[in-house]
N, C-alpha and C. Protein backbone atom coordinates (compact mmCIF):
# COMPACT_ATOMS: atom_id res chain seq x y z
N VAL A 1 0.74 -1.35 0.23
CA VAL A 1 0.07 0.04 0.07
C VAL A 1 1.03 0.74 -0.14
N GLN A 2 0.69 2.07 -1.08
CA GLN A 2 1.59 3.24 -1.00
C GLN A 2 0.63 4.80 -0.50
N LEU A 3 1.17 5.32 0.65
CA LEU A 3 0.75 6.24 0.71
C LEU A 3 1.66 7.24 0.40
N VAL A 4 1.67 8.25 -0.40
CA VAL A 4 2.27 9.56 -0.85
C VAL A 4 1.77 10.87 -0.46
N GLU A 5 3.32 11.47 0.33
CA GLU A 5 2.52 12.70 1.00
C GLU A 5 3.34 13.87 0.34
N SER A 6 2.60 15.21 0.44
CA SER A 6 3.40 16.40 0.45
C SER A 6 2.87 17.00 0.67
N GLY A 7 3.49 18.66 1.00
CA GLY A 7 3.25 19.91 1.54
C GLY A 7 3.87 20.34 2.68
N GLY A 8 4.92 19.82 3.19
CA GLY A 8 5.76 19.77 4.28
C GLY A 8 6.55 21.49 3.97
N GLY A 9 7.29 21.98 4.67
CA GLY A 9 8.14 22.80 4.66
C GLY A 9 8.21 24.08 6.16
N LEU A 10 8.73 24.74 5.97
CA LEU A 10 8.73 25.96 6.81
C LEU A 10 7.62 27.15 7.19
N VAL A 11 7.01 27.62 8.23
CA VAL A 11 6.18 28.18 8.16
C VAL A 11 6.54 29.10 9.27
N GLN A 12 5.96 30.18 9.37
CA GLN A 12 6.12 31.28 10.51
C GLN A 12 4.85 31.13 11.82
N PRO A 13 5.19 31.40 12.73
CA PRO A 13 4.29 30.91 13.78
C PRO A 13 2.97 31.94 13.21
N GLY A 14 1.65 31.64 13.46
CA GLY A 14 0.73 31.77 13.51
C GLY A 14 0.41 31.67 11.80
N GLY A 15 1.17 31.34 11.35
CA GLY A 15 0.70 30.76 9.79
C GLY A 15 -0.08 29.66 9.45
N SER A 16 -0.08 29.15 7.88
CA SER A 16 -0.58 28.35 7.67
C SER A 16 -0.41 27.42 6.54
N LEU A 17 -0.59 26.21 6.94
CA LEU A 17 0.29 24.99 6.08
C LEU A 17 -1.12 23.73 5.88
N ARG A 18 -0.85 23.15 4.19
CA ARG A 18 -1.60 22.08 4.20
C ARG A 18 -0.45 20.65 3.80
N LEU A 19 -0.72 19.69 4.61
CA LEU A 19 -0.51 18.60 3.89
C LEU A 19 -1.65 17.57 3.15
N SER A 20 -0.63 17.02 2.49
CA SER A 20 -1.60 15.70 1.38
C SER A 20 -0.78 15.04 1.72
N CYS A 21 -2.26 13.64 0.72
CA CYS A 21 -1.38 12.12 1.16
C CYS A 21 -2.26 11.36 -0.32
N THR A 22 -1.93 11.28 -1.06
CA THR A 22 -2.75 10.35 -2.34
C THR A 22 -2.60 8.85 -1.55
N VAL A 23 -3.80 8.29 -1.43
CA VAL A 23 -3.89 7.18 -1.11
C VAL A 23 -4.85 5.94 -2.17
N SER A 24 -4.47 4.91 -2.16
CA SER A 24 -5.45 3.68 -2.90
C SER A 24 -6.56 4.04 -2.56
N ARG A 25 -7.41 3.39 -3.41
CA ARG A 25 -8.72 3.75 -4.01
C ARG A 25 -9.39 2.93 -2.82
N LEU A 26 -8.69 1.42 -3.04
CA LEU A 26 -9.36 0.97 -1.87
C LEU A 26 -9.50 0.88 -0.49
N HIS A 27 -8.64 1.41 -0.17
CA HIS A 27 -8.17 1.68 1.43
C HIS A 27 -8.98 2.85 1.70
N PHE A 28 -8.94 4.15 0.73
CA PHE A 28 -9.30 5.17 1.52
C PHE A 28 -11.30 5.00 1.36
N GLU A 29 -11.63 3.88 0.57
CA GLU A 29 -13.36 4.34 1.10
C GLU A 29 -13.56 2.93 2.17
N ARG A 30 -12.30 2.58 2.47
CA ARG A 30 -13.26 1.50 3.75
C ARG A 30 -12.21 1.14 4.90
N ARG A 31 -11.54 2.83 5.15
CA ARG A 31 -10.67 2.42 5.99
C ARG A 31 -10.20 3.83 6.77
N ALA A 32 -10.10 3.96 8.16
CA ALA A 32 -10.42 4.90 8.50
C ALA A 32 -8.96 5.48 8.25
N MET A 33 -8.69 6.93 8.22
CA MET A 33 -7.24 7.50 7.85
C MET A 33 -6.77 8.90 8.80
N GLY A 34 -5.42 9.27 9.76
CA GLY A 34 -5.72 10.02 9.95
C GLY A 34 -3.71 10.46 9.98
N TRP A 35 -3.64 11.59 10.72
CA TRP A 35 -2.31 11.98 11.01
C TRP A 35 -1.73 11.66 11.97
N PHE A 36 0.03 11.30 11.75
CA PHE A 36 0.83 11.56 13.16
C PHE A 36 1.65 12.41 13.42
N ARG A 37 2.31 12.78 14.50
CA ARG A 37 3.28 13.92 14.53
C ARG A 37 4.58 13.58 15.36
N GLN A 38 5.70 13.55 15.26
CA GLN A 38 6.63 13.16 15.79
C GLN A 38 7.36 14.16 15.90
N VAL A 39 7.81 14.76 17.39
CA VAL A 39 8.74 15.98 17.38
C VAL A 39 10.05 15.03 17.94
N PRO A 40 11.00 15.48 17.58
CA PRO A 40 12.41 15.09 18.21
C PRO A 40 12.12 14.27 19.41
N GLY A 41 12.66 13.66 20.33
CA GLY A 41 12.77 13.16 21.26
C GLY A 41 11.52 12.54 22.05
N LYS A 42 10.41 12.81 21.36
CA LYS A 42 9.63 12.07 21.57
C LYS A 42 8.66 11.09 21.21
N GLU A 43 7.74 10.52 21.60
CA GLU A 43 7.01 9.81 20.29
C GLU A 43 6.18 10.12 19.79
N ARG A 44 5.74 9.54 18.73
CA ARG A 44 4.77 9.54 17.61
C ARG A 44 2.91 9.53 18.40
N GLU A 45 2.66 11.17 18.24
CA GLU A 45 1.12 10.79 18.52
C GLU A 45 0.30 11.33 17.74
N GLN A 46 -1.08 11.02 17.85
CA GLN A 46 -2.34 10.89 16.62
C GLN A 46 -2.38 12.08 16.87
N VAL A 47 -2.66 13.55 15.57
CA VAL A 47 -3.49 14.15 16.18
C VAL A 47 -4.35 14.85 15.57
N ALA A 48 -4.90 13.87 14.36
CA ALA A 48 -6.38 14.01 13.34
C ALA A 48 -6.91 12.84 13.35
N CYS A 49 -8.15 12.52 12.78
CA CYS A 49 -8.36 10.78 12.34
C CYS A 49 -9.60 11.19 11.40
N ILE A 50 -10.21 10.52 10.62
CA ILE A 50 -11.30 10.60 10.08
C ILE A 50 -11.82 9.44 9.68
N SER A 51 -13.46 8.59 9.73
CA SER A 51 -13.52 7.95 9.92
C SER A 51 -14.60 7.78 8.36
N ALA A 52 -14.34 6.33 8.04
CA ALA A 52 -14.59 6.08 6.67
C ALA A 52 -16.17 5.52 6.70
N ASN A 53 -16.92 6.32 7.97
CA ASN A 53 -18.41 6.31 7.90
C ASN A 53 -18.94 7.03 6.97
N ASP A 54 -20.24 7.06 6.38
CA ASP A 54 -21.07 8.05 5.79
C ASP A 54 -20.81 9.43 5.89
N ASP A 55 -20.55 9.61 7.39
CA ASP A 55 -20.68 11.34 7.98
C ASP A 55 -19.58 11.59 8.43
N GLY A 56 -18.09 10.69 7.99
CA GLY A 56 -16.51 11.26 7.57
C GLY A 56 -16.83 12.05 9.42
N THR A 57 -16.85 10.98 10.44
CA THR A 57 -16.40 11.43 11.64
C THR A 57 -14.98 12.37 11.94
N THR A 58 -14.89 12.94 12.08
CA THR A 58 -13.68 13.68 12.58
C THR A 58 -12.91 13.92 14.39
N GLU A 59 -11.75 13.15 14.33
CA GLU A 59 -11.58 13.38 15.81
C GLU A 59 -10.19 14.34 15.57
N TYR A 60 -10.19 14.82 17.22
CA TYR A 60 -8.77 15.58 16.49
C TYR A 60 -7.83 15.86 18.69
N ASP A 61 -6.95 15.68 18.80
CA ASP A 61 -6.28 15.71 19.60
C ASP A 61 -6.27 16.87 20.30
N ARG A 62 -6.09 17.21 21.92
CA ARG A 62 -6.46 18.29 22.06
C ARG A 62 -5.76 19.57 21.93
N SER A 63 -4.75 19.10 21.46
CA SER A 63 -3.07 19.81 20.82
C SER A 63 -3.16 20.71 20.35
N VAL A 64 -4.32 20.40 18.77
CA VAL A 64 -4.55 21.10 17.45
C VAL A 64 -5.89 21.04 17.16
N ARG A 65 -7.04 20.57 18.24
CA ARG A 65 -8.51 21.00 18.20
C ARG A 65 -8.58 22.42 18.01
N GLY A 66 -9.53 22.91 17.16
CA GLY A 66 -9.91 24.18 16.80
C GLY A 66 -8.88 24.91 15.95
N ARG A 67 -7.45 24.54 15.28
CA ARG A 67 -6.42 25.04 14.10
C ARG A 67 -6.25 24.30 13.53
N PHE A 68 -6.87 22.82 13.58
CA PHE A 68 -6.46 21.79 12.39
C PHE A 68 -7.58 21.32 11.86
N THR A 69 -7.71 20.74 10.82
CA THR A 69 -8.91 20.35 10.20
C THR A 69 -8.31 19.04 9.09
N ILE A 70 -8.20 18.19 9.38
CA ILE A 70 -8.50 17.23 8.57
C ILE A 70 -9.74 16.78 7.39
N SER A 71 -9.46 16.12 6.35
CA SER A 71 -10.60 16.21 5.06
C SER A 71 -9.92 15.43 3.84
N LYS A 72 -11.19 15.11 3.99
CA LYS A 72 -10.73 13.80 2.31
C LYS A 72 -11.21 14.63 1.36
N ASP A 73 -11.04 14.32 -0.15
CA ASP A 73 -11.51 14.11 -1.72
C ASP A 73 -11.37 13.13 -2.15
N SER A 74 -12.72 12.67 -1.97
CA SER A 74 -12.83 11.09 -2.84
C SER A 74 -12.84 11.13 -4.10
N SER A 75 -12.81 12.21 -4.71
CA SER A 75 -12.31 12.53 -6.22
C SER A 75 -11.10 12.02 -7.02
N THR A 76 -10.34 12.42 -5.78
CA THR A 76 -8.63 12.53 -5.76
C THR A 76 -7.65 11.59 -5.04
N ASN A 77 -8.88 10.84 -4.21
CA ASN A 77 -8.41 9.56 -3.55
C ASN A 77 -6.88 10.55 -2.61
N THR A 78 -8.05 11.75 -1.77
CA THR A 78 -6.35 12.62 -1.43
C THR A 78 -6.84 13.31 0.15
N LEU A 79 -6.29 12.97 1.07
CA LEU A 79 -6.16 12.90 2.79
C LEU A 79 -5.68 14.35 2.36
N TYR A 80 -6.09 15.28 3.43
CA TYR A 80 -5.65 16.52 3.35
C TYR A 80 -5.76 16.77 5.18
N LEU A 81 -4.69 17.28 5.83
CA LEU A 81 -4.18 18.04 7.03
C LEU A 81 -4.25 19.70 6.77
N THR A 82 -4.83 20.70 7.13
CA THR A 82 -4.95 21.67 6.99
C THR A 82 -4.92 22.54 8.53
N ALA A 83 -3.52 23.26 8.26
CA ALA A 83 -3.01 23.35 9.63
C ALA A 83 -3.17 25.25 9.54
N THR A 84 -3.80 25.71 10.69
CA THR A 84 -3.68 27.14 10.83
C THR A 84 -3.09 27.97 12.05
N ASN A 85 -2.85 28.62 12.09
CA ASN A 85 -2.64 29.18 13.91
C ASN A 85 -1.76 28.37 13.95
N MET A 86 -0.27 28.15 13.26
CA MET A 86 0.64 26.91 13.79
C MET A 86 1.50 27.80 14.98
N ARG A 87 1.89 26.98 15.92
CA ARG A 87 2.95 27.14 16.90
C ARG A 87 4.17 26.32 16.55
N PRO A 88 5.30 27.06 17.46
CA PRO A 88 6.46 26.41 17.42
C PRO A 88 6.74 25.23 17.84
N GLU A 89 5.56 24.50 18.77
CA GLU A 89 5.39 23.42 19.41
C GLU A 89 4.91 22.06 17.94
N ASP A 90 4.20 22.59 17.10
CA ASP A 90 3.82 21.85 15.89
C ASP A 90 4.86 21.13 15.10
N THR A 91 6.21 22.05 15.30
CA THR A 91 7.36 21.25 14.81
C THR A 91 7.15 20.14 14.92
N GLY A 92 7.67 19.70 13.57
CA GLY A 92 7.74 17.55 13.20
C GLY A 92 7.84 17.16 12.03
N VAL A 93 7.95 15.72 12.47
CA VAL A 93 7.18 15.05 10.77
C VAL A 93 6.77 14.12 11.36
N TYR A 94 5.30 14.91 9.86
CA TYR A 94 3.71 14.84 10.36
C TYR A 94 3.67 13.43 9.05
N TYR A 95 3.50 12.32 9.46
CA TYR A 95 2.83 10.93 8.71
C TYR A 95 1.07 10.92 8.05
N CYS A 96 0.90 10.67 7.48
CA CYS A 96 -0.42 10.45 6.86
C CYS A 96 -0.66 8.64 7.38
N THR A 97 -1.80 7.88 7.68
CA THR A 97 -1.82 6.87 7.78
C THR A 97 -2.91 6.13 7.31
N ILE A 98 -3.16 4.71 7.38
CA ILE A 98 -4.55 4.32 7.18
C ILE A 98 -5.00 3.21 8.12
N GLY A 99 -5.67 3.38 9.11
CA GLY A 99 -6.03 2.57 10.12
C GLY A 99 -6.95 1.21 9.72
N LYS A 100 -6.43 0.47 10.95
CA LYS A 100 -7.14 -0.89 10.91
C LYS A 100 -8.96 -1.14 10.28
N GLY A 101 -9.05 -0.17 11.03
CA GLY A 101 -10.73 -0.66 10.73
C GLY A 101 -11.51 0.90 10.19
N ARG A 102 -12.94 1.15 9.87
CA ARG A 102 -13.80 2.02 9.43
C ARG A 102 -13.41 3.66 10.38
N GLY A 103 -13.41 3.34 11.78
CA GLY A 103 -14.00 3.81 12.54
C GLY A 103 -15.70 3.93 12.65
N PRO A 104 -16.29 5.31 13.34
CA PRO A 104 -15.71 5.89 14.73
C PRO A 104 -15.58 4.89 15.44
N PRO A 105 -14.61 4.88 16.38
CA PRO A 105 -13.83 6.58 16.77
C PRO A 105 -12.37 5.41 16.64
N CYS A 106 -11.41 6.60 16.07
CA CYS A 106 -10.58 6.09 15.24
C CYS A 106 -9.10 6.89 15.94
N LEU A 107 -8.96 7.33 16.57
CA LEU A 107 -8.26 8.08 17.61
C LEU A 107 -7.46 7.17 18.79
N TYR A 108 -6.85 6.27 18.34
CA TYR A 108 -6.09 4.97 19.28
C TYR A 108 -4.79 5.19 19.38
N GLY A 109 -3.79 5.97 18.64
CA GLY A 109 -2.83 6.02 18.68
C GLY A 109 -2.24 4.94 17.94
N GLU A 110 -0.34 4.61 18.15
CA GLU A 110 0.23 4.14 16.82
C GLU A 110 -0.42 2.61 16.42
N ARG A 111 -1.45 1.60 17.84
CA ARG A 111 -1.68 0.59 17.54
C ARG A 111 -2.61 0.39 16.56
N TRP A 112 -3.21 1.40 15.91
CA TRP A 112 -4.59 1.91 16.01
C TRP A 112 -3.74 1.67 14.13
N ALA A 113 -2.72 2.58 13.37
CA ALA A 113 -2.60 2.64 12.45
C ALA A 113 -1.87 0.96 11.63
N GLU A 114 -2.13 1.20 10.09
CA GLU A 114 -1.97 -0.17 9.76
C GLU A 114 -0.46 0.12 8.74
N PHE A 115 -0.65 1.79 7.90
CA PHE A 115 0.11 1.49 6.90
C PHE A 115 0.12 3.19 7.15
N TRP A 116 1.37 3.25 6.62
CA TRP A 116 1.87 4.57 7.07
C TRP A 116 2.80 5.57 5.91
N GLY A 117 2.59 6.74 5.47
CA GLY A 117 3.85 7.74 4.91
C GLY A 117 4.65 7.65 4.77
N GLN A 118 5.57 8.85 3.97
CA GLN A 118 6.60 8.40 4.36
C GLN A 118 7.44 9.63 5.58
N GLY A 119 6.70 10.33 5.93
CA GLY A 119 7.01 11.26 6.87
C GLY A 119 6.82 12.72 5.75
N ALA A 120 6.52 13.32 6.51
CA ALA A 120 6.55 15.06 5.94
C ALA A 120 6.96 16.09 6.72
N GLN A 121 8.36 16.33 6.64
CA GLN A 121 8.60 17.49 7.72
C GLN A 121 8.00 18.84 7.71
N VAL A 122 7.83 19.37 9.06
CA VAL A 122 7.20 20.58 9.02
C VAL A 122 8.15 21.84 10.22
N THR A 123 8.10 22.33 9.77
CA THR A 123 9.05 23.80 10.78
C THR A 123 8.54 24.71 10.93
N VAL A 124 8.26 25.44 11.80
CA VAL A 124 7.35 26.40 12.77
C VAL A 124 8.03 27.23 12.94
N SER A 125 9.07 28.51 12.92
CA SER A 125 9.63 28.96 13.12
C SER A 125 9.91 30.52 12.49
N SER A 126 10.38 31.21 13.35
CA SER A 126 10.27 32.93 12.51
C SER A 126 11.77 33.53 11.69
């Protein structure tokens, strides 16, 4: 299963950035998907997920709730993470993932994720 990420880079505090991840159609329709973040010296943490139910239920870690938005485009099999009002502590490597089930819920942490993207570096700094 191939997940191809794009959109990382350098952003100033308070700025915005959008990450993209293309996913195989089979998994896009049948599995919950999500985004993890790894900060140097810390374990990977799940920041957002979106279920494969009709409503596309979304869930967020409290550290990003209200600032980040996870979404998906079925016409292009693309998963997005739109980050706004970014902070230096948002710096890290971001990974898109495919979960083991459809959800909801889907915010379970690493044990929930089955397939991983290659990671995209995001740096928030002035």
